[in-house]
Amino acid sequence: MKLTNSLKNKIKSIIATVAVITATLTTTAYADIAGSKIATGTVKLVADATSWLLVIAPSVSVLLIIYYLIRKGMSDEMEHKKWNSRIVVTIVSCIGAVVASVLINVLVSYYK
């Protein structure tokens, strides 16, 4: 089926009109959402949660490492490897939590 020039022009104008309407609605919706209390409150909530995570993750990790070292000191030689691996996992988890928190803080700072 061949399209005539007039039909092609009508299709192009319909596509252009839909594109303009979509762009207008998207821009209006984004402006309404970005300025709303829900959006600004969510950004502040995420920023506060990640800042608390920067304090809580190392604190809990230090307490766990102390506990694991005490348990390692009371255990026999067979269990030393298990406690060492738990200490390493705790350190890696702490580093991961801090890095994730910093990345989230950086991303959220762009929305302020």
N, C-alpha and C. Protein backbone atom coordinates (compact mmCIF):
# COMPACT_ATOMS: atom_id res chain seq x y z
N MET A 1 0.84 -1.17 0.00
CA MET A 1 0.00 0.00 0.00
C MET A 1 0.89 1.23 0.00
N LYS A 2 0.71 2.09 -0.98
CA LYS A 2 1.50 3.31 -1.09
C LYS A 2 0.76 4.45 -0.42
N LEU A 3 1.52 5.25 0.30
CA LEU A 3 0.94 6.41 0.95
C LEU A 3 1.07 7.63 0.04
N THR A 4 0.00 8.36 -0.05
CA THR A 4 0.05 9.58 -0.85
C THR A 4 0.73 10.68 -0.04
N ASN A 5 1.13 11.74 -0.72
CA ASN A 5 1.82 12.84 -0.05
C ASN A 5 0.93 13.51 0.99
N SER A 6 -0.35 13.64 0.70
CA SER A 6 -1.25 14.29 1.66
C SER A 6 -1.40 13.43 2.92
N LEU A 7 -1.46 12.12 2.76
CA LEU A 7 -1.57 11.23 3.90
C LEU A 7 -0.28 11.25 4.73
N LYS A 8 0.87 11.29 4.04
CA LYS A 8 2.15 11.39 4.74
C LYS A 8 2.23 12.68 5.54
N ASN A 9 1.78 13.78 4.96
CA ASN A 9 1.80 15.06 5.66
C ASN A 9 0.89 15.07 6.87
N LYS A 10 -0.29 14.42 6.75
CA LYS A 10 -1.21 14.34 7.89
C LYS A 10 -0.59 13.51 9.02
N ILE A 11 0.06 12.41 8.68
CA ILE A 11 0.70 11.56 9.69
C ILE A 11 1.83 12.33 10.39
N LYS A 12 2.61 13.07 9.60
CA LYS A 12 3.69 13.86 10.18
C LYS A 12 3.15 14.93 11.11
N SER A 13 2.07 15.57 10.74
CA SER A 13 1.51 16.62 11.58
C SER A 13 0.92 16.03 12.87
N ILE A 14 0.31 14.85 12.77
CA ILE A 14 -0.22 14.19 13.96
C ILE A 14 0.92 13.81 14.90
N ILE A 15 2.00 13.26 14.37
CA ILE A 15 3.15 12.88 15.19
C ILE A 15 3.77 14.12 15.85
N ALA A 16 3.88 15.22 15.11
CA ALA A 16 4.43 16.45 15.67
C ALA A 16 3.54 16.99 16.78
N THR A 17 2.23 16.95 16.58
CA THR A 17 1.29 17.43 17.59
C THR A 17 1.38 16.58 18.86
N VAL A 18 1.44 15.27 18.71
CA VAL A 18 1.55 14.38 19.86
C VAL A 18 2.87 14.63 20.60
N ALA A 19 3.95 14.87 19.87
CA ALA A 19 5.24 15.14 20.50
C ALA A 19 5.20 16.43 21.30
N VAL A 20 4.57 17.46 20.74
CA VAL A 20 4.48 18.75 21.45
C VAL A 20 3.62 18.61 22.70
N ILE A 21 2.50 17.92 22.59
CA ILE A 21 1.62 17.73 23.75
C ILE A 21 2.33 16.92 24.83
N THR A 22 3.02 15.88 24.45
CA THR A 22 3.75 15.04 25.41
C THR A 22 4.84 15.84 26.11
N ALA A 23 5.59 16.62 25.37
CA ALA A 23 6.65 17.44 25.97
C ALA A 23 6.07 18.46 26.93
N THR A 24 4.96 19.07 26.57
CA THR A 24 4.32 20.06 27.44
C THR A 24 3.82 19.42 28.72
N LEU A 25 3.15 18.29 28.60
CA LEU A 25 2.63 17.61 29.80
C LEU A 25 3.76 17.12 30.69
N THR A 26 4.82 16.60 30.11
CA THR A 26 5.95 16.10 30.89
C THR A 26 6.62 17.24 31.65
N THR A 27 6.83 18.36 30.98
CA THR A 27 7.46 19.51 31.63
C THR A 27 6.58 20.04 32.75
N THR A 28 5.30 20.13 32.53
CA THR A 28 4.39 20.62 33.55
C THR A 28 4.34 19.66 34.73
N ALA A 29 4.28 18.36 34.46
CA ALA A 29 4.22 17.38 35.53
C ALA A 29 5.51 17.39 36.34
N TYR A 30 6.65 17.51 35.67
CA TYR A 30 7.92 17.53 36.39
C TYR A 30 8.02 18.77 37.27
N ALA A 31 7.57 19.91 36.77
CA ALA A 31 7.63 21.14 37.55
C ALA A 31 6.73 21.03 38.77
N ASP A 32 5.57 20.40 38.63
CA ASP A 32 4.67 20.23 39.76
C ASP A 32 5.24 19.27 40.79
N ILE A 33 5.86 18.19 40.34
CA ILE A 33 6.40 17.20 41.26
C ILE A 33 7.65 17.73 41.96
N ALA A 34 8.53 18.39 41.22
CA ALA A 34 9.79 18.85 41.80
C ALA A 34 9.58 19.87 42.90
N GLY A 35 8.55 20.69 42.79
CA GLY A 35 8.31 21.71 43.80
C GLY A 35 7.38 21.26 44.92
N SER A 36 6.88 20.06 44.86
CA SER A 36 5.92 19.61 45.86
C SER A 36 6.60 19.29 47.18
N LYS A 37 5.80 19.27 48.23
CA LYS A 37 6.33 18.96 49.56
C LYS A 37 6.77 17.50 49.64
N ILE A 38 6.10 16.63 48.90
CA ILE A 38 6.47 15.21 48.93
C ILE A 38 7.87 15.03 48.36
N ALA A 39 8.16 15.67 47.25
CA ALA A 39 9.48 15.52 46.62
C ALA A 39 10.57 16.12 47.50
N THR A 40 10.35 17.34 47.99
CA THR A 40 11.39 17.96 48.81
C THR A 40 11.54 17.22 50.14
N GLY A 41 10.44 16.75 50.67
CA GLY A 41 10.51 15.98 51.92
C GLY A 41 11.24 14.66 51.73
N THR A 42 11.01 14.00 50.60
CA THR A 42 11.70 12.74 50.31
C THR A 42 13.19 12.95 50.15
N VAL A 43 13.56 14.03 49.48
CA VAL A 43 14.99 14.34 49.31
C VAL A 43 15.63 14.59 50.67
N LYS A 44 14.95 15.33 51.53
CA LYS A 44 15.50 15.60 52.87
C LYS A 44 15.57 14.32 53.70
N LEU A 45 14.56 13.46 53.58
CA LEU A 45 14.55 12.20 54.31
C LEU A 45 15.71 11.31 53.90
N VAL A 46 15.94 11.20 52.61
CA VAL A 46 17.04 10.38 52.11
C VAL A 46 18.38 10.96 52.55
N ALA A 47 18.52 12.28 52.50
CA ALA A 47 19.76 12.92 52.93
C ALA A 47 20.01 12.68 54.42
N ASP A 48 18.97 12.79 55.24
CA ASP A 48 19.12 12.55 56.67
C ASP A 48 19.45 11.09 56.97
N ALA A 49 18.78 10.18 56.28
CA ALA A 49 19.01 8.75 56.50
C ALA A 49 20.44 8.36 56.13
N THR A 50 20.93 8.89 55.02
CA THR A 50 22.29 8.54 54.63
C THR A 50 23.32 9.18 55.53
N SER A 51 23.03 10.36 56.06
CA SER A 51 23.98 10.96 56.99
C SER A 51 24.02 10.17 58.31
N TRP A 52 22.89 9.66 58.73
CA TRP A 52 22.87 8.81 59.92
C TRP A 52 23.60 7.49 59.65
N LEU A 53 23.47 6.98 58.44
CA LEU A 53 24.16 5.74 58.08
C LEU A 53 25.67 5.91 58.15
N LEU A 54 26.15 7.11 57.84
CA LEU A 54 27.59 7.38 57.93
C LEU A 54 28.08 7.29 59.37
N VAL A 55 27.21 7.51 60.34
CA VAL A 55 27.58 7.43 61.75
C VAL A 55 27.34 6.03 62.30
N ILE A 56 26.21 5.44 61.95
CA ILE A 56 25.80 4.16 62.53
C ILE A 56 26.64 3.00 62.01
N ALA A 57 26.91 2.95 60.71
CA ALA A 57 27.63 1.81 60.13
C ALA A 57 29.02 1.60 60.75
N PRO A 58 29.86 2.63 60.85
CA PRO A 58 31.17 2.39 61.48
C PRO A 58 31.05 2.07 62.97
N SER A 59 30.09 2.69 63.66
CA SER A 59 29.93 2.43 65.09
C SER A 59 29.55 0.97 65.36
N VAL A 60 28.58 0.49 64.61
CA VAL A 60 28.15 -0.90 64.78
C VAL A 60 29.27 -1.85 64.36
N SER A 61 29.98 -1.50 63.31
CA SER A 61 31.09 -2.35 62.85
C SER A 61 32.18 -2.46 63.90
N VAL A 62 32.51 -1.36 64.54
CA VAL A 62 33.54 -1.39 65.59
C VAL A 62 33.08 -2.27 66.75
N LEU A 63 31.82 -2.12 67.15
CA LEU A 63 31.30 -2.96 68.24
C LEU A 63 31.32 -4.44 67.86
N LEU A 64 30.94 -4.76 66.62
CA LEU A 64 30.96 -6.15 66.18
C LEU A 64 32.39 -6.69 66.13
N ILE A 65 33.33 -5.89 65.66
CA ILE A 65 34.72 -6.36 65.59
C ILE A 65 35.26 -6.62 66.99
N ILE A 66 34.94 -5.75 67.94
CA ILE A 66 35.37 -5.99 69.33
C ILE A 66 34.78 -7.28 69.85
N TYR A 67 33.48 -7.50 69.60
CA TYR A 67 32.83 -8.73 70.03
C TYR A 67 33.47 -9.96 69.39
N TYR A 68 33.75 -9.87 68.08
CA TYR A 68 34.37 -10.99 67.38
C TYR A 68 35.78 -11.26 67.88
N LEU A 69 36.52 -10.22 68.21
CA LEU A 69 37.87 -10.41 68.75
C LEU A 69 37.83 -11.08 70.12
N ILE A 70 36.85 -10.69 70.93
CA ILE A 70 36.70 -11.34 72.24
C ILE A 70 36.35 -12.81 72.05
N ARG A 71 35.41 -13.09 71.16
CA ARG A 71 35.03 -14.48 70.91
C ARG A 71 36.19 -15.28 70.32
N LYS A 72 36.97 -14.63 69.45
CA LYS A 72 38.14 -15.29 68.85
C LYS A 72 39.15 -15.63 69.94
N GLY A 73 39.34 -14.72 70.89
CA GLY A 73 40.27 -14.98 71.99
C GLY A 73 39.82 -16.13 72.88
N MET A 74 38.52 -16.34 73.00
CA MET A 74 38.01 -17.42 73.85
C MET A 74 37.84 -18.73 73.10
N SER A 75 38.01 -18.73 71.79
CA SER A 75 37.76 -19.95 71.01
C SER A 75 39.04 -20.76 70.85
N ASP A 76 38.87 -21.99 70.36
CA ASP A 76 40.03 -22.83 70.10
C ASP A 76 40.56 -22.53 68.69
N GLU A 77 41.63 -23.20 68.33
CA GLU A 77 42.31 -22.90 67.06
C GLU A 77 41.45 -23.22 65.84
N MET A 78 40.54 -24.15 65.96
CA MET A 78 39.68 -24.53 64.84
C MET A 78 38.71 -23.40 64.47
N GLU A 79 38.30 -22.63 65.47
CA GLU A 79 37.32 -21.58 65.23
C GLU A 79 37.95 -20.23 64.89
N HIS A 80 39.26 -20.10 64.98
CA HIS A 80 39.93 -18.83 64.69
C HIS A 80 39.64 -18.37 63.26
N LYS A 81 39.66 -19.31 62.32
CA LYS A 81 39.43 -18.95 60.92
C LYS A 81 38.03 -18.40 60.73
N LYS A 82 37.05 -18.99 61.41
CA LYS A 82 35.67 -18.53 61.31
C LYS A 82 35.54 -17.10 61.84
N TRP A 83 36.16 -16.81 62.96
CA TRP A 83 36.08 -15.46 63.53
C TRP A 83 36.85 -14.45 62.68
N ASN A 84 37.98 -14.88 62.12
CA ASN A 84 38.72 -13.99 61.21
C ASN A 84 37.88 -13.63 60.00
N SER A 85 37.18 -14.61 59.44
CA SER A 85 36.35 -14.33 58.26
C SER A 85 35.19 -13.41 58.62
N ARG A 86 34.63 -13.55 59.81
CA ARG A 86 33.56 -12.65 60.24
C ARG A 86 34.07 -11.22 60.41
N ILE A 87 35.28 -11.08 60.91
CA ILE A 87 35.87 -9.75 61.05
C ILE A 87 36.07 -9.12 59.68
N VAL A 88 36.58 -9.88 58.73
CA VAL A 88 36.79 -9.36 57.37
C VAL A 88 35.46 -8.97 56.73
N VAL A 89 34.45 -9.80 56.88
CA VAL A 89 33.12 -9.50 56.32
C VAL A 89 32.56 -8.22 56.95
N THR A 90 32.76 -8.04 58.24
CA THR A 90 32.29 -6.83 58.91
C THR A 90 32.98 -5.59 58.38
N ILE A 91 34.29 -5.66 58.17
CA ILE A 91 35.04 -4.52 57.65
C ILE A 91 34.59 -4.18 56.22
N VAL A 92 34.45 -5.19 55.40
CA VAL A 92 34.02 -4.97 54.01
C VAL A 92 32.60 -4.42 53.98
N SER A 93 31.73 -4.93 54.83
CA SER A 93 30.35 -4.43 54.88
C SER A 93 30.31 -2.97 55.33
N CYS A 94 31.15 -2.63 56.28
CA CYS A 94 31.20 -1.24 56.74
C CYS A 94 31.66 -0.32 55.62
N ILE A 95 32.68 -0.72 54.91
CA ILE A 95 33.18 0.08 53.79
C ILE A 95 32.10 0.21 52.72
N GLY A 96 31.41 -0.88 52.42
CA GLY A 96 30.33 -0.84 51.44
C GLY A 96 29.19 0.08 51.86
N ALA A 97 28.81 0.04 53.14
CA ALA A 97 27.73 0.90 53.62
C ALA A 97 28.12 2.37 53.56
N VAL A 98 29.36 2.67 53.93
CA VAL A 98 29.82 4.07 53.89
C VAL A 98 29.90 4.57 52.45
N VAL A 99 30.43 3.76 51.55
CA VAL A 99 30.53 4.18 50.15
C VAL A 99 29.14 4.36 49.55
N ALA A 100 28.23 3.45 49.83
CA ALA A 100 26.85 3.58 49.31
C ALA A 100 26.19 4.84 49.86
N SER A 101 26.40 5.11 51.14
CA SER A 101 25.82 6.30 51.74
C SER A 101 26.36 7.58 51.12
N VAL A 102 27.66 7.61 50.87
CA VAL A 102 28.26 8.79 50.24
C VAL A 102 27.73 8.97 48.82
N LEU A 103 27.63 7.88 48.07
CA LEU A 103 27.10 7.98 46.71
C LEU A 103 25.66 8.48 46.69
N ILE A 104 24.85 7.98 47.60
CA ILE A 104 23.47 8.43 47.68
C ILE A 104 23.41 9.91 48.06
N ASN A 105 24.27 10.33 49.01
CA ASN A 105 24.31 11.74 49.38
C ASN A 105 24.68 12.61 48.20
N VAL A 106 25.64 12.17 47.40
CA VAL A 106 26.05 12.94 46.22
C VAL A 106 24.91 13.03 45.23
N LEU A 107 24.22 11.93 44.98
CA LEU A 107 23.10 11.95 44.03
C LEU A 107 21.96 12.82 44.53
N VAL A 108 21.67 12.76 45.82
CA VAL A 108 20.57 13.55 46.36
C VAL A 108 20.93 15.04 46.35
N SER A 109 22.21 15.37 46.50
CA SER A 109 22.60 16.77 46.51
C SER A 109 22.28 17.47 45.19
N TYR A 110 22.18 16.75 44.10
CA TYR A 110 21.83 17.34 42.82
C TYR A 110 20.37 17.75 42.76
N TYR A 111 19.52 17.22 43.63
CA TYR A 111 18.09 17.55 43.61
C TYR A 111 17.75 18.69 44.54
N LYS A 112 18.73 19.23 45.24
CA LYS A 112 18.45 20.33 46.16
C LYS A 112 18.50 21.65 45.44
